[in-house]
C-alpha atoms as a PDB file:
ATOM      1  CA  MET A   1       0.202  -0.017  -0.011  1.00  0.00           C
ATOM      2  CA  PRO A   2       1.415   3.448  -1.055  1.00  0.00           C
ATOM      3  CA  GLN A   3       2.382   5.515   1.951  1.00  0.00           C
ATOM      4  CA  ALA A   4       0.440   8.296   1.141  1.00  0.00           C
ATOM      5  CA  ASP A   5      -2.811   6.071   1.671  1.00  0.00           C
ATOM      6  CA  ARG A   6      -1.927   4.487   4.689  1.00  0.00           C
ATOM      7  CA  LEU A   7      -3.066   5.759   8.060  1.00  0.00           C
ATOM      8  CA  PHE A   8      -0.112   5.211  10.488  1.00  0.00           C
ATOM      9  CA  SER A   9      -0.778   3.827  14.255  1.00  0.00           C
ATOM     10  CA  PRO A  10       0.791   6.405  17.077  1.00  0.00           C
ATOM     11  CA  MET A  11       3.457   4.238  17.114  1.00  0.00           C
ATOM     12  CA  GLU A  12       4.538   4.137  13.649  1.00  0.00           C
ATOM     13  CA  GLN A  13       4.204   7.999  13.684  1.00  0.00           C
ATOM     14  CA  LEU A  14       6.577   7.772  16.580  1.00  0.00           C
ATOM     15  CA  ILE A  15       9.179   6.142  14.564  1.00  0.00           C
ATOM     16  CA  GLU A  16       8.707   7.540  11.641  1.00  0.00           C
ATOM     17  CA  THR A  17       9.142  10.936  13.701  1.00  0.00           C
ATOM     18  CA  LEU A  18      12.774   9.332  14.987  1.00  0.00           C
ATOM     19  CA  ASP A  19      13.840   8.715  11.776  1.00  0.00           C
ATOM     20  CA  LEU A  20      15.316  11.743  11.150  1.00  0.00           C
ATOM     21  CA  GLU A  21      16.535  13.502   7.779  1.00  0.00           C
ATOM     22  CA  ARG A  22      20.432  13.698   7.789  1.00  0.00           C
ATOM     23  CA  LEU A  23      21.138  17.079   6.357  1.00  0.00           C
ATOM     24  CA  GLU A  24      25.328  16.817   6.536  1.00  0.00           C
ATOM     25  CA  GLU A  25      27.741  15.290   8.888  1.00  0.00           C
ATOM     26  CA  ASN A  26      26.356  16.266  12.090  1.00  0.00           C
ATOM     27  CA  LEU A  27      23.285  17.965  11.119  1.00  0.00           C
ATOM     28  CA  PHE A  28      19.810  16.222  11.088  1.00  0.00           C
ATOM     29  CA  ARG A  29      16.251  17.398  10.653  1.00  0.00           C
ATOM     30  CA  GLY A  30      13.104  16.322  12.211  1.00  0.00           C
ATOM     31  CA  VAL A  31       9.666  16.949  12.024  1.00  0.00           C
ATOM     32  CA  SER A  32       6.323  16.725  14.598  1.00  0.00           C
ATOM     33  CA  PRO A  33       2.982  14.983  14.381  1.00  0.00           C
ATOM     34  CA  GLN A  34       0.524  17.412  13.495  1.00  0.00           C
ATOM     35  CA  VAL A  35      -2.044  16.615  16.514  1.00  0.00           C
ATOM     36  CA  GLY A  36      -3.370  19.678  17.464  1.00  0.00           C
ATOM     37  CA  TRP A  37      -0.852  20.825  20.344  1.00  0.00           C
ATOM     38  CA  GLN A  38       0.425  24.294  20.308  1.00  0.00           C
ATOM     39  CA  ARG A  39       3.918  23.198  21.157  1.00  0.00           C
ATOM     40  CA  VAL A  40       6.317  20.340  20.506  1.00  0.00           C
ATOM     41  CA  PHE A  41       5.943  17.564  23.254  1.00  0.00           C
ATOM     42  CA  GLY A  42       9.019  17.920  25.244  1.00  0.00           C
ATOM     43  CA  GLY A  43       9.854  13.837  25.306  1.00  0.00           C
ATOM     44  CA  GLN A  44       9.780  13.988  21.391  1.00  0.00           C
ATOM     45  CA  VAL A  45      12.468  16.503  21.348  1.00  0.00           C
ATOM     46  CA  ILE A  46      14.566  14.407  23.652  1.00  0.00           C
ATOM     47  CA  ALA A  47      13.995  11.512  21.690  1.00  0.00           C
ATOM     48  CA  GLN A  48      15.154  13.101  18.300  1.00  0.00           C
ATOM     49  CA  ALA A  49      18.199  14.688  19.869  1.00  0.00           C
ATOM     50  CA  LEU A  50      19.049  11.351  21.334  1.00  0.00           C
ATOM     51  CA  MET A  51      18.604   9.608  17.814  1.00  0.00           C
ATOM     52  CA  ALA A  52      20.820  12.523  16.032  1.00  0.00           C
ATOM     53  CA  ALA A  53      23.561  12.109  18.641  1.00  0.00           C
ATOM     54  CA  GLN A  54      23.523   8.078  18.200  1.00  0.00           C
ATOM     55  CA  ARG A  55      23.776   8.374  14.780  1.00  0.00           C
ATOM     56  CA  THR A  56      27.227  10.060  15.464  1.00  0.00           C
ATOM     57  CA  ALA A  57      28.617   7.343  17.613  1.00  0.00           C
ATOM     58  CA  THR A  58      29.633   3.946  16.584  1.00  0.00           C
ATOM     59  CA  ASP A  59      27.817   0.841  16.702  1.00  0.00           C
ATOM     60  CA  ASP A  60      29.477  -0.650  19.627  1.00  0.00           C
ATOM     61  CA  ARG A  61      28.476   2.219  22.293  1.00  0.00           C
ATOM     62  CA  PHE A  62      25.091   2.723  23.609  1.00  0.00           C
ATOM     63  CA  VAL A  63      23.859   5.834  25.575  1.00  0.00           C
ATOM     64  CA  HIS A  64      24.033   5.583  29.513  1.00  0.00           C
ATOM     65  CA  SER A  65      23.032   9.202  30.372  1.00  0.00           C
ATOM     66  CA  LEU A  66      21.826  12.534  29.014  1.00  0.00           C
ATOM     67  CA  HIS A  67      21.435  15.513  30.553  1.00  0.00           C
ATOM     68  CA  ALA A  68      18.997  18.322  28.834  1.00  0.00           C
ATOM     69  CA  TYR A  69      17.681  21.763  29.143  1.00  0.00           C
ATOM     70  CA  PHE A  70      14.369  22.994  27.726  1.00  0.00           C
ATOM     71  CA  LEU A  71      15.146  26.665  26.234  1.00  0.00           C
ATOM     72  CA  LEU A  72      11.899  27.613  24.633  1.00  0.00           C
ATOM     73  CA  PRO A  73       9.086  26.158  23.212  1.00  0.00           C
ATOM     74  CA  GLY A  74       9.122  24.013  20.216  1.00  0.00           C
ATOM     75  CA  ASP A  75       6.729  24.906  17.328  1.00  0.00           C
ATOM     76  CA  PRO A  76       5.152  21.945  15.610  1.00  0.00           C
ATOM     77  CA  LYS A  77       4.393  23.425  12.619  1.00  0.00           C
ATOM     78  CA  VAL A  78       8.048  23.758  11.334  1.00  0.00           C
ATOM     79  CA  PRO A  79      11.037  21.257  11.427  1.00  0.00           C
ATOM     80  CA  ILE A  80      13.562  21.054  14.044  1.00  0.00           C
ATOM     81  CA  ILE A  81      17.123  21.311  13.165  1.00  0.00           C
ATOM     82  CA  TYR A  82      19.545  19.302  15.337  1.00  0.00           C
ATOM     83  CA  GLN A  83      23.346  20.279  15.595  1.00  0.00           C
ATOM     84  CA  VAL A  84      25.652  17.691  16.958  1.00  0.00           C
ATOM     85  CA  GLU A  85      28.978  18.748  18.319  1.00  0.00           C
ATOM     86  CA  ARG A  86      31.701  15.402  18.650  1.00  0.00           C
ATOM     87  CA  LEU A  87      33.044  16.345  22.058  1.00  0.00           C
ATOM     88  CA  ARG A  88      34.976  13.283  22.811  1.00  0.00           C
ATOM     89  CA  ASP A  89      35.409  10.020  21.263  1.00  0.00           C
ATOM     90  CA  GLY A  90      37.696   7.879  23.747  1.00  0.00           C
ATOM     91  CA  SER A  91      38.728   4.232  24.327  1.00  0.00           C
ATOM     92  CA  SER A  92      35.680   3.581  26.111  1.00  0.00           C
ATOM     93  CA  PHE A  93      33.287   6.530  26.399  1.00  0.00           C
ATOM     94  CA  THR A  94      31.736   8.919  23.473  1.00  0.00           C
ATOM     95  CA  THR A  95      30.403  12.188  24.275  1.00  0.00           C
ATOM     96  CA  ARG A  96      28.209  14.361  22.341  1.00  0.00           C
ATOM     97  CA  ARG A  97      26.473  18.016  22.308  1.00  0.00           C
ATOM     98  CA  VAL A  98      23.086  18.128  20.389  1.00  0.00           C
ATOM     99  CA  THR A  99      21.361  21.820  20.083  1.00  0.00           C
ATOM    100  CA  ALA A 100      18.015  21.692  19.061  1.00  0.00           C
ATOM    101  CA  ILE A 101      17.082  25.223  16.256  1.00  0.00           C
ATOM    102  CA  GLN A 102      13.793  26.607  14.904  1.00  0.00           C
ATOM    103  CA  HIS A 103      13.555  30.105  13.911  1.00  0.00           C
ATOM    104  CA  GLY A 104      16.971  30.854  14.060  1.00  0.00           C
ATOM    105  CA  LYS A 105      17.284  30.216  18.124  1.00  0.00           C
ATOM    106  CA  ALA A 106      18.271  27.096  20.193  1.00  0.00           C
ATOM    107  CA  ILE A 107      15.162  25.699  21.770  1.00  0.00           C
ATOM    108  CA  PHE A 108      16.547  22.756  23.484  1.00  0.00           C
ATOM    109  CA  ALA A 109      20.514  21.616  24.333  1.00  0.00           C
ATOM    110  CA  MET A 110      21.642  18.298  25.399  1.00  0.00           C
ATOM    111  CA  SER A 111      24.520  16.602  26.514  1.00  0.00           C
ATOM    112  CA  VAL A 112      24.853  12.843  25.738  1.00  0.00           C
ATOM    113  CA  SER A 113      27.345   9.843  26.890  1.00  0.00           C
ATOM    114  CA  PHE A 114      27.765   6.616  25.447  1.00  0.00           C
ATOM    115  CA  GLN A 115      30.082   3.690  26.440  1.00  0.00           C
ATOM    116  CA  ILE A 116      30.699   0.009  25.230  1.00  0.00           C
ATOM    117  CA  GLU A 117      29.628  -2.787  26.920  1.00  0.00           C
ATOM    118  CA  GLU A 118      31.183  -3.843  29.958  1.00  0.00           C
ATOM    119  CA  PRO A 119      30.947  -6.416  32.780  1.00  0.00           C
ATOM    120  CA  GLY A 120      31.223  -4.933  36.132  1.00  0.00           C
ATOM    121  CA  TYR A 121      29.452  -4.660  39.669  1.00  0.00           C
ATOM    122  CA  ASP A 122      25.592  -5.100  39.673  1.00  0.00           C
ATOM    123  CA  HIS A 123      22.818  -4.016  42.021  1.00  0.00           C
ATOM    124  CA  GLN A 124      19.467  -2.154  42.055  1.00  0.00           C
ATOM    125  CA  THR A 125      16.812  -1.068  44.160  1.00  0.00           C
ATOM    126  CA  THR A 126      13.959  -3.083  44.098  1.00  0.00           C
ATOM    127  CA  ILE A 127      10.501  -2.739  42.637  1.00  0.00           C
ATOM    128  CA  PRO A 128       7.674  -1.505  44.897  1.00  0.00           C
ATOM    129  CA  GLN A 129       4.893  -4.148  45.268  1.00  0.00           C
ATOM    130  CA  ILE A 130       1.953  -2.920  43.679  1.00  0.00           C
ATOM    131  CA  LYS A 131      -1.179  -3.857  41.799  1.00  0.00           C
ATOM    132  CA  GLN A 132      -0.527  -5.509  38.387  1.00  0.00           C
ATOM    133  CA  PRO A 133      -1.547  -3.470  35.297  1.00  0.00           C
ATOM    134  CA  GLU A 134      -4.353  -6.022  34.541  1.00  0.00           C
ATOM    135  CA  GLU A 135      -6.005  -5.488  37.951  1.00  0.00           C
ATOM    136  CA  LEU A 136      -6.487  -1.783  36.944  1.00  0.00           C
ATOM    137  CA  MET A 137      -8.884   0.292  34.912  1.00  0.00           C
ATOM    138  CA  SER A 138      -7.391   0.675  31.252  1.00  0.00           C
ATOM    139  CA  GLU A 139      -7.435   3.959  29.725  1.00  0.00           C
ATOM    140  CA  GLN A 140     -10.388   3.268  27.584  1.00  0.00           C
ATOM    141  CA  GLN A 141     -12.488   2.895  30.905  1.00  0.00           C
ATOM    142  CA  PHE A 142     -10.762   5.559  32.205  1.00  0.00           C
ATOM    143  CA  GLN A 143     -12.184   8.191  29.582  1.00  0.00           C
ATOM    144  CA  GLU A 144     -15.648   6.453  29.510  1.00  0.00           C
ATOM    145  CA  MET A 145     -16.389   7.211  33.446  1.00  0.00           C
ATOM    146  CA  PHE A 146     -14.475  10.216  33.903  1.00  0.00           C
ATOM    147  CA  LEU A 147     -14.125  12.394  30.859  1.00  0.00           C
ATOM    148  CA  ALA A 148     -17.417  13.318  30.016  1.00  0.00           C
ATOM    149  CA  HIS A 149     -17.194  15.819  33.004  1.00  0.00           C
ATOM    150  CA  ALA A 150     -13.743  16.610  32.609  1.00  0.00           C
ATOM    151  CA  PRO A 151     -12.290  20.226  31.772  1.00  0.00           C
ATOM    152  CA  GLU A 152     -11.413  20.385  28.162  1.00  0.00           C
ATOM    153  CA  MET A 153      -7.656  19.892  28.453  1.00  0.00           C
ATOM    154  CA  VAL A 154      -7.952  17.253  30.395  1.00  0.00           C
ATOM    155  CA  LYS A 155     -10.177  15.704  27.688  1.00  0.00           C
ATOM    156  CA  ARG A 156      -7.742  16.345  25.104  1.00  0.00           C
ATOM    157  CA  TYR A 157      -4.674  15.253  26.833  1.00  0.00           C
ATOM    158  CA  TRP A 158      -6.377  11.464  27.890  1.00  0.00           C
ATOM    159  CA  GLY A 159      -8.685  11.649  24.493  1.00  0.00           C
ATOM    160  CA  GLN A 160      -5.546  11.771  22.572  1.00  0.00           C
ATOM    161  CA  LYS A 161      -4.459   8.613  20.731  1.00  0.00           C
ATOM    162  CA  ARG A 162      -0.796   7.944  21.769  1.00  0.00           C
ATOM    163  CA  PRO A 163       2.190   5.530  21.292  1.00  0.00           C
ATOM    164  CA  VAL A 164       2.212   5.142  24.772  1.00  0.00           C
ATOM    165  CA  GLU A 165      -0.803   3.856  27.293  1.00  0.00           C
ATOM    166  CA  ILE A 166      -0.661   4.960  30.914  1.00  0.00           C
ATOM    167  CA  ARG A 167      -2.398   3.089  33.780  1.00  0.00           C
ATOM    168  CA  PRO A 168      -1.959   4.870  36.986  1.00  0.00           C
ATOM    169  CA  VAL A 169      -2.082   2.730  39.751  1.00  0.00           C
ATOM    170  CA  ASN A 170      -4.119   5.548  42.050  1.00  0.00           C
ATOM    171  CA  LEU A 171      -6.600   7.823  40.117  1.00  0.00           C
ATOM    172  CA  VAL A 172      -7.391  10.338  42.846  1.00  0.00           C
ATOM    173  CA  HIS A 173      -5.303  12.797  41.574  1.00  0.00           C
ATOM    174  CA  TYR A 174      -7.213  12.861  38.402  1.00  0.00           C
ATOM    175  CA  VAL A 175     -10.630  13.023  39.961  1.00  0.00           C
ATOM    176  CA  SER A 176     -10.439  15.265  43.189  1.00  0.00           C
ATOM    177  CA  GLU A 177      -8.321  18.240  44.699  1.00  0.00           C
ATOM    178  CA  GLU A 178      -7.150  15.929  47.520  1.00  0.00           C
ATOM    179  CA  LYS A 179      -3.711  17.114  48.888  1.00  0.00           C
ATOM    180  CA  LEU A 180      -1.700  13.718  48.390  1.00  0.00           C
ATOM    181  CA  LYS A 181       1.846  12.400  49.258  1.00  0.00           C
ATOM    182  CA  PRO A 182       4.279  13.472  46.137  1.00  0.00           C
ATOM    183  CA  GLU A 183       4.497  10.408  44.574  1.00  0.00           C
ATOM    184  CA  GLN A 184       2.895   8.235  42.197  1.00  0.00           C
ATOM    185  CA  GLN A 185       3.264   4.578  40.431  1.00  0.00           C
ATOM    186  CA  ILE A 186       1.879   4.337  36.960  1.00  0.00           C
ATOM    187  CA  TRP A 187       2.224   1.268  34.552  1.00  0.00           C
ATOM    188  CA  VAL A 188       3.292   2.307  30.724  1.00  0.00           C
ATOM    189  CA  ARG A 189       3.548   0.158  27.653  1.00  0.00           C
ATOM    190  CA  THR A 190       3.754   1.278  23.856  1.00  0.00           C
ATOM    191  CA  THR A 191       0.896   0.654  21.703  1.00  0.00           C
ATOM    192  CA  GLY A 192       2.691  -0.799  19.151  1.00  0.00           C
ATOM    193  CA  VAL A 193       5.856  -2.878  17.999  1.00  0.00           C
ATOM    194  CA  VAL A 194       9.273  -0.857  18.531  1.00  0.00           C
ATOM    195  CA  PRO A 195      12.303  -2.177  16.227  1.00  0.00           C
ATOM    196  CA  ASP A 196      14.289  -4.738  17.515  1.00  0.00           C
ATOM    197  CA  ASP A 197      17.222  -1.962  17.516  1.00  0.00           C
ATOM    198  CA  ARG A 198      18.592  -0.491  20.998  1.00  0.00           C
ATOM    199  CA  HIS A 199      19.092   2.700  19.495  1.00  0.00           C
ATOM    200  CA  TYR A 200      15.088   3.256  18.750  1.00  0.00           C
ATOM    201  CA  GLN A 201      14.365   1.488  22.076  1.00  0.00           C
ATOM    202  CA  ALA A 202      16.671   4.027  23.971  1.00  0.00           C
ATOM    203  CA  ALA A 203      14.723   6.813  21.927  1.00  0.00           C
ATOM    204  CA  VAL A 204      11.463   5.552  22.654  1.00  0.00           C
ATOM    205  CA  LEU A 205      12.061   5.146  26.391  1.00  0.00           C
ATOM    206  CA  ALA A 206      13.568   8.567  26.596  1.00  0.00           C
ATOM    207  CA  TYR A 207      10.338   9.670  24.836  1.00  0.00           C
ATOM    208  CA  LEU A 208       7.855   8.047  27.536  1.00  0.00           C
ATOM    209  CA  SER A 209      10.132   9.339  30.430  1.00  0.00           C
ATOM    210  CA  ASP A 210       8.874  12.764  29.989  1.00  0.00           C
ATOM    211  CA  MET A 211       5.450  11.659  30.850  1.00  0.00           C
ATOM    212  CA  THR A 212       3.699  12.519  33.763  1.00  0.00           C
ATOM    213  CA  LEU A 213       6.779  13.502  36.032  1.00  0.00           C
ATOM    214  CA  LEU A 214       6.117  17.059  36.539  1.00  0.00           C
ATOM    215  CA  ASP A 215       2.643  16.652  37.563  1.00  0.00           C
ATOM    216  CA  THR A 216       3.770  14.706  40.426  1.00  0.00           C
ATOM    217  CA  SER A 217       5.187  17.879  42.084  1.00  0.00           C
ATOM    218  CA  LEU A 218       1.571  19.059  42.566  1.00  0.00           C
ATOM    219  CA  TYR A 219       0.238  16.377  44.334  1.00  0.00           C
ATOM    220  CA  PRO A 220       0.562  17.878  47.668  1.00  0.00           C
ATOM    221  CA  HIS A 221      -0.940  21.152  46.282  1.00  0.00           C
ATOM    222  CA  GLY A 222      -4.251  19.649  45.182  1.00  0.00           C
ATOM    223  CA  THR A 223      -3.672  20.768  41.719  1.00  0.00           C
ATOM    224  CA  THR A 224      -2.508  19.329  38.352  1.00  0.00           C
ATOM    225  CA  ILE A 225      -0.941  20.625  35.536  1.00  0.00           C
ATOM    226  CA  PHE A 226      -4.293  20.790  33.632  1.00  0.00           C
ATOM    227  CA  ASP A 227      -5.284  23.578  36.109  1.00  0.00           C
ATOM    228  CA  PRO A 228      -5.552  26.897  34.215  1.00  0.00           C
ATOM    229  CA  ALA A 229      -4.364  28.460  37.440  1.00  0.00           C
ATOM    230  CA  VAL A 230      -1.150  26.998  37.144  1.00  0.00           C
ATOM    231  CA  GLN A 231       1.678  27.601  34.536  1.00  0.00           C
ATOM    232  CA  ALA A 232       3.958  24.494  33.984  1.00  0.00           C
ATOM    233  CA  ALA A 233       6.907  23.774  31.777  1.00  0.00           C
ATOM    234  CA  SER A 234       9.721  21.056  32.174  1.00  0.00           C
ATOM    235  CA  ILE A 235      12.839  23.260  32.521  1.00  0.00           C
ATOM    236  CA  ASP A 236      15.440  20.259  32.459  1.00  0.00           C
ATOM    237  CA  HIS A 237      15.674  16.272  32.298  1.00  0.00           C
ATOM    238  CA  ALA A 238      18.086  13.988  32.847  1.00  0.00           C
ATOM    239  CA  MET A 239      18.282  10.182  32.760  1.00  0.00           C
ATOM    240  CA  TRP A 240      20.551   7.207  33.034  1.00  0.00           C
ATOM    241  CA  PHE A 241      20.135   3.979  31.016  1.00  0.00           C
ATOM    242  CA  HIS A 242      21.082   1.031  33.057  1.00  0.00           C
ATOM    243  CA  ARG A 243      20.100  -2.117  31.425  1.00  0.00           C
ATOM    244  CA  PRO A 244      18.690  -2.746  27.742  1.00  0.00           C
ATOM    245  CA  CYS A 245      14.828  -2.938  27.713  1.00  0.00           C
ATOM    246  CA  ALA A 246      12.995  -4.528  24.289  1.00  0.00           C
ATOM    247  CA  LEU A 247       9.887  -2.507  25.387  1.00  0.00           C
ATOM    248  CA  ASP A 248       7.633  -5.270  24.539  1.00  0.00           C
ATOM    249  CA  ASP A 249       5.418  -5.616  28.008  1.00  0.00           C
ATOM    250  CA  TRP A 250       4.469  -3.245  30.571  1.00  0.00           C
ATOM    251  CA  LEU A 251       6.783  -0.809  32.531  1.00  0.00           C
ATOM    252  CA  LEU A 252       6.569   0.700  36.321  1.00  0.00           C
ATOM    253  CA  TYR A 253       7.318   3.992  36.260  1.00  0.00           C
ATOM    254  CA  ALA A 254       7.413   4.636  40.140  1.00  0.00           C
ATOM    255  CA  GLN A 255       7.806   8.588  40.580  1.00  0.00           C
ATOM    256  CA  ASP A 256       8.369  10.640  43.578  1.00  0.00           C
ATOM    257  CA  SER A 257       9.026  14.581  44.133  1.00  0.00           C
ATOM    258  CA  PRO A 258      11.545  15.339  46.871  1.00  0.00           C
ATOM    259  CA  SER A 259      10.919  19.432  46.731  1.00  0.00           C
ATOM    260  CA  ALA A 260       9.002  22.336  45.525  1.00  0.00           C
ATOM    261  CA  SER A 261       9.834  25.421  46.108  1.00  0.00           C
ATOM    262  CA  GLY A 262      10.876  28.846  43.962  1.00  0.00           C
ATOM    263  CA  ALA A 263       7.876  28.246  41.550  1.00  0.00           C
ATOM    264  CA  ARG A 264      10.187  24.873  40.582  1.00  0.00           C
ATOM    265  CA  GLY A 265       8.853  21.470  41.378  1.00  0.00           C
ATOM    266  CA  MET A 266      11.724  18.189  41.336  1.00  0.00           C
ATOM    267  CA  THR A 267      10.557  14.796  40.190  1.00  0.00           C
ATOM    268  CA  ARG A 268      12.646  11.760  40.230  1.00  0.00           C
ATOM    269  CA  GLY A 269      11.678   8.667  38.319  1.00  0.00           C
ATOM    270  CA  ALA A 270      12.501   4.684  37.954  1.00  0.00           C
ATOM    271  CA  LEU A 271      11.362   2.526  34.986  1.00  0.00           C
ATOM    272  CA  TYR A 272      11.147  -1.242  36.080  1.00  0.00           C
ATOM    273  CA  THR A 273      10.292  -4.075  33.802  1.00  0.00           C
ATOM    274  CA  ARG A 274       7.790  -6.220  34.796  1.00  0.00           C
ATOM    275  CA  SER A 275      10.149  -8.759  36.053  1.00  0.00           C
ATOM    276  CA  GLY A 276      11.740  -5.987  38.618  1.00  0.00           C
ATOM    277  CA  ALA A 277      14.819  -4.754  36.594  1.00  0.00           C
ATOM    278  CA  LEU A 278      15.702  -1.383  37.172  1.00  0.00           C
ATOM    279  CA  VAL A 279      16.328  -0.141  33.345  1.00  0.00           C
ATOM    280  CA  ALA A 280      16.172   3.491  33.713  1.00  0.00           C
ATOM    281  CA  SER A 281      16.282   6.415  36.293  1.00  0.00           C
ATOM    282  CA  VAL A 282      15.352   9.995  35.490  1.00  0.00           C
ATOM    283  CA  ALA A 283      15.249  13.562  37.359  1.00  0.00           C
ATOM    284  CA  GLN A 284      13.258  16.443  36.017  1.00  0.00           C
ATOM    285  CA  GLU A 285      12.835  20.164  37.362  1.00  0.00           C
ATOM    286  CA  GLY A 286      10.002  21.917  35.860  1.00  0.00           C
ATOM    287  CA  LEU A 287       7.993  25.333  36.063  1.00  0.00           C
ATOM    288  CA  ILE A 288       5.340  25.227  38.525  1.00  0.00           C
ATOM    289  CA  ARG A 289       3.971  28.956  38.850  1.00  0.00           C
ATOM    290  CA  LYS A 290       0.615  30.258  40.276  1.00  0.00           C
ATOM    291  CA  ARG A 291      -0.680  32.500  37.248  1.00  0.00           C
ATOM    292  CA  ALA A 292      -0.928  36.343  38.793  1.00  0.00           C
ATOM    293  CA  ASP A 293      -4.269  36.621  36.879  1.00  0.00           C
ATOM    294  CA  ALA A 294      -5.842  33.351  38.055  1.00  0.00           C
END
């Protein structure tokens, strides 16, 4: 079937979005899916920047960490140019810096480190003991029960077909203004097949790592990122890749927010396989500002 006649699934669309166009040796161009959002999803920019960096590293090295800053909102209507700087090619580690550019300005900057695979000491934290995803309400059930009376922004977010399905262990935050502990556990899984390629698997993991994090810092305050009185935006994002993951089953995303102050909220996350392997750790700080006109 010709591509023009096909309707791509959300996961197929994401994989196509990650297949960047190479413009020059260290220069790549990415596009955004036209789904009606006013700005580019931060996870998409992280994932595309990671793909750009990976395409300048040798095949025997895999990402083990990234550290990123969101500088300006991304415009989904125009392409994003990713410029890669080759900072280091050592005997074991490779380092890259990626700058994302739109309208002549840097909108995002990220450092990425790669390493050859090596044996070594091995330990990890234990996966929390919680309900399995099959015991929880599906996204479709949640939509049918709660979206009819939800605010428009919540309807748009939860009603959108996405490449990642989310099943929160606790739904209280979404349906009440109760002040809760600054922590949440969410099961996540891709809604389609991810290529058997560690570069794409790492990029998709980076993509989904930006989902729901900032909202956790608002749990103790009885509000959400969808509240019109709250101005929310990611400021920075760091991620450490501990073990490879095929993304063929549910992952548990355990999150907690140790601090909020100065109109900023900080959240940590841990991504586990269903069997309990810790595959990645995440940290993010974001703007959570009360609007002056609210």
